Protein backbone atom coordinates (compact mmCIF):
# COMPACT_ATOMS: atom_id res chain seq x y z
CA MET A 1 0.00 0.00 0.00
CA VAL A 2 1.16 3.56 -0.65
CA LEU A 3 0.02 6.84 0.86
CA GLY A 4 -0.25 9.92 -1.36
CA LEU A 5 -0.38 12.98 0.89
CA ALA A 6 -1.14 15.48 -1.88
CA LYS A 7 -0.46 16.11 -5.52
CA VAL A 8 2.76 17.90 -4.52
CA ALA A 9 4.04 14.90 -2.55
CA PRO A 10 5.70 11.64 -3.51
CA VAL A 11 3.95 8.52 -2.27
CA ILE A 12 4.93 6.89 1.02
CA PRO A 13 4.97 3.10 1.32
CA VAL A 14 2.68 1.98 4.16
CA GLU A 15 3.44 -1.59 5.22
CA HIS A 16 1.65 -1.63 8.58
CA GLY A 17 -1.56 -0.64 10.18
CA PHE A 18 -1.19 1.47 13.31
CA LYS A 19 -2.96 2.05 16.58
CA PRO A 20 -3.06 5.55 18.10
CA TYR A 21 -3.23 6.29 21.82
CA ARG A 22 -3.48 9.44 23.91
CA LEU A 23 -0.89 9.38 26.69
CA VAL A 24 -1.49 11.67 29.69
CA TYR A 25 1.43 12.35 32.02
CA TRP A 26 2.86 14.81 34.52
CA SER A 27 5.67 17.21 33.70
CA THR A 28 6.82 20.65 34.89
CA THR A 29 7.00 24.19 33.56
CA ASN A 30 8.66 26.99 35.50
CA GLY A 31 9.05 24.55 38.39
CA GLU A 32 5.33 23.88 38.64
CA PRO A 33 3.66 20.52 37.91
CA VAL A 34 1.62 20.42 34.70
CA LEU A 35 -0.61 17.69 33.33
CA VAL A 36 0.11 17.22 29.63
CA SER A 37 -0.66 14.78 26.84
CA ALA A 38 0.86 13.23 23.76
CA LEU A 39 0.02 11.11 20.77
CA VAL A 40 1.48 7.61 20.68
CA SER A 41 1.04 5.62 17.46
CA LEU A 42 2.33 2.07 17.22
CA PRO A 43 2.57 -0.15 14.17
CA THR A 44 0.53 -3.34 14.22
CA GLY A 45 1.78 -6.75 13.25
CA ALA A 46 5.48 -6.33 14.10
CA PRO A 47 7.77 -4.82 16.74
CA PRO A 48 8.74 -1.21 15.96
CA ARG A 49 11.88 -0.79 13.86
CA GLY A 50 12.68 2.48 15.63
CA LEU A 51 11.26 5.49 17.46
CA VAL A 52 10.23 8.78 15.81
CA LEU A 53 9.57 11.90 17.87
CA TRP A 54 7.31 14.30 15.94
CA MET A 55 7.01 17.94 17.02
CA HIS A 56 3.80 19.56 15.79
CA GLY A 57 3.26 22.83 13.97
CA THR A 58 1.52 25.92 15.30
CA ASN A 59 -2.02 25.20 16.50
CA THR A 60 -4.49 27.57 18.17
CA ASP A 61 -7.28 25.02 18.71
CA ARG A 62 -6.94 22.87 21.82
CA SER A 63 -9.73 20.56 20.67
CA ASN A 64 -7.68 19.77 17.54
CA SER A 65 -4.45 18.87 19.32
CA ILE A 66 -2.21 16.21 17.87
CA SER A 67 -3.11 13.76 20.65
CA ARG A 68 -6.64 13.82 19.22
CA PRO A 69 -5.24 13.05 15.80
CA SER A 70 -6.79 14.70 12.79
CA LEU A 71 -6.21 13.71 9.19
CA GLN A 72 -4.20 16.89 8.65
CA GLU A 73 -1.36 16.07 11.06
CA GLY A 74 -1.77 13.27 13.59
CA ILE A 75 -3.20 10.66 11.23
CA ALA A 76 -0.92 11.68 8.37
CA VAL A 77 2.18 11.54 10.58
CA SER A 78 1.10 8.21 12.04
CA ALA A 79 0.50 6.74 8.60
CA ALA A 80 3.82 8.04 7.29
CA PHE A 81 5.94 6.74 10.16
CA ALA A 82 3.98 4.15 12.15
CA GLY A 83 2.80 2.82 8.79
CA GLY A 84 6.48 2.27 8.04
CA GLY A 85 7.04 0.30 11.22
CA TYR A 86 8.14 3.08 13.60
CA ALA A 87 6.73 3.87 17.01
CA VAL A 88 5.67 7.53 16.94
CA ILE A 89 5.41 9.88 19.90
CA ALA A 90 4.25 13.49 19.62
CA PRO A 91 3.77 15.79 22.63
CA ASP A 92 0.97 18.33 22.64
CA LEU A 93 3.11 20.66 24.83
CA VAL A 94 1.71 23.01 27.48
CA GLY A 95 -1.48 24.78 26.41
CA LEU A 96 -2.74 22.07 24.06
CA GLY A 97 -4.24 18.63 24.62
CA VAL A 98 -5.36 18.17 28.22
CA SER A 99 -3.43 21.26 29.36
CA GLN A 100 -5.64 24.30 30.01
CA ALA A 101 -2.75 26.72 30.55
CA PRO A 102 -1.70 29.40 28.05
CA GLN A 103 0.48 27.89 25.35
CA ALA A 104 4.17 27.78 26.19
CA TYR A 105 4.80 28.70 22.57
CA LEU A 106 8.45 28.76 21.44
CA HIS A 107 9.39 28.57 25.12
CA ASN A 108 12.42 26.31 25.20
CA PRO A 109 12.41 25.45 28.93
CA SER A 110 8.84 24.13 28.79
CA THR A 111 9.32 22.39 25.45
CA LEU A 112 12.38 20.63 26.83
CA ALA A 113 10.80 19.60 30.13
CA VAL A 114 7.63 18.21 28.56
CA THR A 115 9.40 16.42 25.70
CA LEU A 116 12.24 14.98 27.77
CA ASP A 117 9.72 13.61 30.26
CA LEU A 118 7.91 11.96 27.34
CA LEU A 119 11.19 10.49 26.10
CA ASP A 120 11.87 9.11 29.57
CA ILE A 121 8.46 7.39 29.52
CA ALA A 122 9.26 6.01 26.06
CA ALA A 123 12.65 4.75 27.22
CA ARG A 124 10.85 2.83 29.96
CA GLY A 125 8.46 1.23 27.48
CA LEU A 126 5.47 3.59 27.36
CA GLY A 127 3.78 1.83 30.24
CA GLY A 128 4.17 -1.58 28.62
CA LEU A 129 3.20 -0.62 25.07
CA LEU A 130 6.83 -0.97 23.90
CA ARG A 131 8.18 -4.38 24.87
CA GLN A 132 11.74 -3.64 23.75
CA PRO A 133 12.28 0.11 23.95
CA GLY A 134 15.40 1.30 22.21
CA ARG A 135 17.69 4.22 22.91
CA ASP A 136 18.05 5.58 19.39
CA LEU A 137 15.76 8.39 18.33
CA MET A 138 14.74 10.00 15.06
CA VAL A 139 13.36 13.54 15.47
CA ALA A 140 11.19 15.45 13.02
CA GLY A 141 8.96 18.51 13.17
CA PHE A 142 7.22 21.20 11.16
CA SER A 143 7.26 25.00 11.62
CA GLN A 144 7.05 25.53 15.41
CA GLY A 145 7.96 21.85 15.53
CA GLY A 146 11.03 22.45 13.35
CA HIS A 147 12.26 24.87 16.00
CA ALA A 148 11.38 22.38 18.75
CA ALA A 149 13.13 19.52 16.94
CA ALA A 150 16.36 21.52 16.88
CA VAL A 151 15.98 22.45 20.55
CA ILE A 152 15.50 18.79 21.53
CA HIS A 153 18.41 17.62 19.39
CA ARG A 154 20.70 20.18 20.99
CA ALA A 155 19.61 19.27 24.51
CA LEU A 156 20.15 15.55 24.02
CA GLU A 157 23.61 16.05 22.55
CA SER A 158 24.52 18.46 25.35
CA ASP A 159 23.57 15.94 28.05
CA PRO A 160 26.45 13.62 29.09
CA SER A 161 23.87 10.93 29.94
CA PRO A 162 20.92 11.56 27.61
CA VAL A 163 17.74 9.56 27.98
CA MET A 164 18.04 8.78 24.26
CA ARG A 165 20.59 9.16 21.49
CA VAL A 166 19.67 11.27 18.46
CA ARG A 167 20.35 9.43 15.20
CA ALA A 168 19.01 12.16 12.92
CA THR A 169 16.74 15.21 12.92
CA ALA A 170 14.55 16.64 10.16
CA ALA A 171 13.22 20.17 10.61
CA ILE A 172 10.64 21.35 8.06
CA ALA A 173 10.18 25.12 7.65
CA GLY A 174 11.73 25.65 11.07
CA ALA A 175 12.17 29.01 12.77
CA PHE A 176 15.65 28.98 14.31
CA ASP A 177 16.91 32.56 14.78
CA LEU A 178 13.89 34.09 16.50
CA ALA A 179 15.40 37.47 17.33
CA GLY A 180 17.49 37.96 14.21
CA VAL A 181 15.19 36.55 11.52
CA SER A 182 11.81 35.21 12.70
CA ILE A 183 10.43 38.23 14.57
CA PRO A 184 11.50 40.84 11.98
CA PHE A 185 10.13 38.68 9.15
CA ALA A 186 6.79 38.09 10.89
CA LEU A 187 6.41 41.82 11.55
CA GLU A 188 6.45 42.36 7.78
CA GLY A 189 3.08 40.59 7.69
CA ARG A 190 3.62 38.68 4.49
CA SER A 191 1.51 35.79 5.75
CA ALA A 192 -2.06 35.92 6.98
CA SER A 193 -0.78 33.92 9.97
CA SER A 194 1.92 36.40 11.02
CA SER A 195 -0.29 37.95 13.71
CA VAL A 196 -1.02 34.46 15.08
CA TYR A 197 2.67 33.61 15.43
CA LEU A 198 3.54 36.91 17.05
CA GLY A 199 0.47 36.90 19.29
CA LEU A 200 1.22 33.41 20.57
CA ALA A 201 4.85 34.34 21.25
CA ALA A 202 3.78 37.52 23.05
CA GLN A 203 1.30 35.69 25.26
CA SER A 204 3.70 32.83 25.94
CA TRP A 205 6.75 34.88 26.88
CA ALA A 206 4.71 37.35 28.94
CA THR A 207 3.15 34.46 30.86
CA TYR A 208 6.23 32.31 31.43
CA TYR A 209 8.76 35.11 31.97
CA GLY A 210 6.48 37.21 34.16
CA HIS A 211 6.00 40.30 31.98
CA SER A 212 2.93 42.41 31.34
CA LEU A 213 1.42 42.38 27.87
CA GLU A 214 0.59 46.07 28.34
CA THR A 215 4.30 46.81 27.92
CA LEU A 216 4.33 45.16 24.49
CA LEU A 217 0.87 45.33 22.94
CA THR A 218 -1.60 48.15 22.48
CA GLU A 219 -4.75 48.03 24.57
CA SER A 220 -6.78 46.66 21.65
CA GLY A 221 -3.95 44.28 20.68
CA LYS A 222 -3.79 42.84 24.18
CA ALA A 223 -7.57 42.39 24.29
CA ARG A 224 -7.62 40.59 20.96
CA VAL A 225 -4.67 38.31 21.74
CA SER A 226 -6.07 37.36 25.15
CA GLN A 227 -9.52 36.61 23.74
CA VAL A 228 -8.62 34.97 20.44
CA LEU A 229 -5.57 32.91 21.45
CA ASP A 230 -7.24 31.20 24.41
CA GLY A 231 -7.19 27.73 22.84
CA SER A 232 -10.82 27.71 21.74
CA HIS A 233 -10.42 29.11 18.23
CA GLY A 234 -9.43 27.42 14.99
CA PRO A 235 -9.06 28.96 11.51
CA ASP A 236 -11.27 31.91 12.52
CA VAL A 237 -8.26 33.42 14.32
CA LEU A 238 -7.15 34.78 10.95
CA GLU A 239 -10.24 36.98 10.81
CA LEU A 240 -10.16 37.91 14.50
CA LEU A 241 -6.58 39.20 14.59
CA PRO A 242 -5.28 42.18 12.55
CA ARG A 243 -4.02 41.38 9.06
CA ASN A 244 -1.12 43.76 9.72
CA PRO A 245 0.62 42.42 12.86
CA ARG A 246 2.25 45.75 13.59
CA GLU A 247 -1.16 47.11 14.60
CA MET A 248 -1.03 44.93 17.73
CA PHE A 249 2.24 46.37 19.04
CA ARG A 250 3.11 49.52 20.96
CA ALA A 251 5.11 52.14 19.12
CA ASP A 252 7.96 52.00 21.64
CA PHE A 253 8.46 48.29 21.00
CA LEU A 254 8.38 48.74 17.22
CA HIS A 255 10.97 51.50 17.56
CA ALA A 256 13.19 49.32 19.77
CA GLN A 257 12.92 46.45 17.34
CA ALA A 258 13.77 48.57 14.33
CA ALA A 259 16.63 50.44 16.03
CA GLY A 260 18.24 47.47 17.76
CA GLY A 261 17.11 48.68 21.18
CA GLN A 262 16.21 46.83 24.34
CA HIS A 263 12.90 45.17 25.13
CA TRP A 264 11.97 42.08 27.14
CA PHE A 265 10.22 40.56 24.10
CA LEU A 266 13.42 40.75 22.08
CA ASP A 267 15.40 39.34 25.01
CA ALA A 268 12.94 36.42 25.20
CA ALA A 269 13.31 35.80 21.47
CA GLN A 270 17.07 35.62 21.90
CA ALA A 271 16.77 33.32 24.92
CA ASN A 272 14.65 30.87 22.95
CA GLU A 273 16.81 30.58 19.84
CA ALA A 274 17.54 27.26 18.15
CA PHE A 275 20.32 28.71 16.00
CA ALA A 276 23.66 29.04 17.75
CA TRP A 277 24.92 25.46 17.97
CA ALA A 278 26.53 22.66 15.98
CA PRO A 279 24.76 19.28 15.76
CA ARG A 280 26.89 16.15 15.73
CA ALA A 281 24.19 13.81 14.41
CA PRO A 282 22.90 14.88 11.00
CA LEU A 283 20.20 17.55 10.87
CA ARG A 284 18.38 18.34 7.65
CA ALA A 285 16.52 21.65 7.38
CA TYR A 286 13.89 21.46 4.63
CA PHE A 287 12.28 24.57 3.13
CA GLY A 288 9.95 25.59 0.33
CA THR A 289 10.96 28.62 -1.70
CA ARG A 290 7.42 30.10 -1.68
CA ASP A 291 7.07 30.03 2.09
CA VAL A 292 5.91 33.41 3.42
CA ASP A 293 5.20 32.14 6.95
CA VAL A 294 8.80 31.16 7.77
CA THR A 295 11.36 32.60 5.42
CA PRO A 296 13.58 30.05 3.63
CA GLN A 297 16.50 32.14 4.89
CA GLU A 298 15.95 30.57 8.32
CA SER A 299 17.10 27.17 7.07
CA VAL A 300 19.82 28.50 4.77
CA ALA A 301 21.37 30.76 7.40
CA PHE A 302 21.14 28.13 10.14
CA ALA A 303 22.90 25.52 8.00
CA LYS A 304 25.64 27.96 6.99
CA ALA A 305 26.27 29.20 10.53
CA SER A 306 26.18 25.69 11.98
CA ARG A 307 28.61 24.30 9.43
CA HIS A 308 30.94 27.19 10.28
CA ARG A 309 30.82 25.90 13.87
CA GLY A 310 31.54 22.37 12.64
CA GLY A 311 27.93 21.23 12.71
CA ASN A 312 26.39 18.46 10.61
CA VAL A 313 23.56 20.43 8.95
CA GLU A 314 22.17 20.56 5.43
CA ALA A 315 19.58 23.00 4.11
CA LEU A 316 17.45 21.21 1.52
CA ASP A 317 15.38 23.12 -1.05
CA LEU A 318 12.04 21.37 -1.60
CA GLY A 319 11.18 23.55 -4.59
CA PRO A 320 8.45 26.15 -5.21
CA PHE A 321 6.17 25.22 -2.32
CA ASP A 322 4.52 27.32 0.36
CA HIS A 323 4.38 26.74 4.11
CA GLY A 324 1.48 24.30 4.11
CA GLU A 325 2.81 22.36 1.15
CA SER A 326 6.34 21.96 2.51
CA PRO A 327 5.62 19.10 4.96
CA LEU A 328 3.67 17.26 2.27
CA ARG A 329 6.76 17.36 0.11
CA ALA A 330 9.28 16.77 2.91
CA VAL A 331 7.73 13.93 4.94
CA PRO A 332 8.16 11.28 2.21
CA LEU A 333 11.80 12.32 1.85
CA ILE A 334 12.29 12.14 5.62
CA ARG A 335 10.69 8.71 5.82
CA LYS A 336 13.04 7.48 3.07
CA TRP A 337 16.04 8.97 4.93
CA PHE A 338 15.02 7.40 8.24
CA ASP A 339 14.54 4.04 6.50
CA GLN A 340 18.04 4.23 5.07
CA LEU A 341 19.54 5.02 8.46
CA THR A 342 17.72 2.24 10.30
CA SER A 343 18.49 -0.28 7.55
CA ALA A 344 22.20 0.58 7.81
CA ALA A 345 22.28 0.15 11.59
């Protein structure tokens, strides 16, 4: 059987059925306990050939979290990887799934805590679902998840006794240099989703670093972000937030951003980068040249800077595809790459 994700995508061979589960577990964020959830998809008919960690893209709708898999992401990812014989785990992260907190969006400390706790559960067999859990890990993610995939890869390679060993990472349309590239690009408003990305980052960093949104957003911008990005809205967020993201922000912040000045939001962007490091295990950064949500320059610049540091990174041009099309094109290539690596082991 083969899976065709879209007309822009190559087919993916699907040799197995799969069974999805929602895993609920305890983690921490900012030192406080948080109840979180994750998707677990296991192939049927044979022991898993390996473990894939998938980091999801930006999502404003808690009811459509990846642990309640939809055809768009959870089912497609499960079919692509669990259908190829891999066990798949995918954390919702704080603010999605069972978590009722504000999203810890692009907040590295929370992403790390929640994902590393999930990896620890996987290393211990997922409560009996994995009879022979391995220690090797394939990591992949899209958009926000491309950023998260890089953050996880870096953390595991920085740990002298990691819970798992990264074999390879694939980041699709990832945002890596938040302060230097991502924030300035989003403020240009080229994408209808730019206000969503910036609003989620504003709410997240204000919440988890203890800042007031009134020092970043206008009164109307704060009201809209607080109301619209509460986890209960889906595609309608595009109509409920300003088309021009700059309308949400105070003039003093916009001046600081343009002039290279100081502001806590810019400091938070710098603190949550996924850019300044050198992977040892291979990392492939995939991008579509028509992406106006995350500029292709993110992947190109990250690969160049990382290789200068001695890192094992490639930036791979998928062709003339936009943000939504890029994972459809990339996932079959990633599956083929992961198959080659596991077959060579």
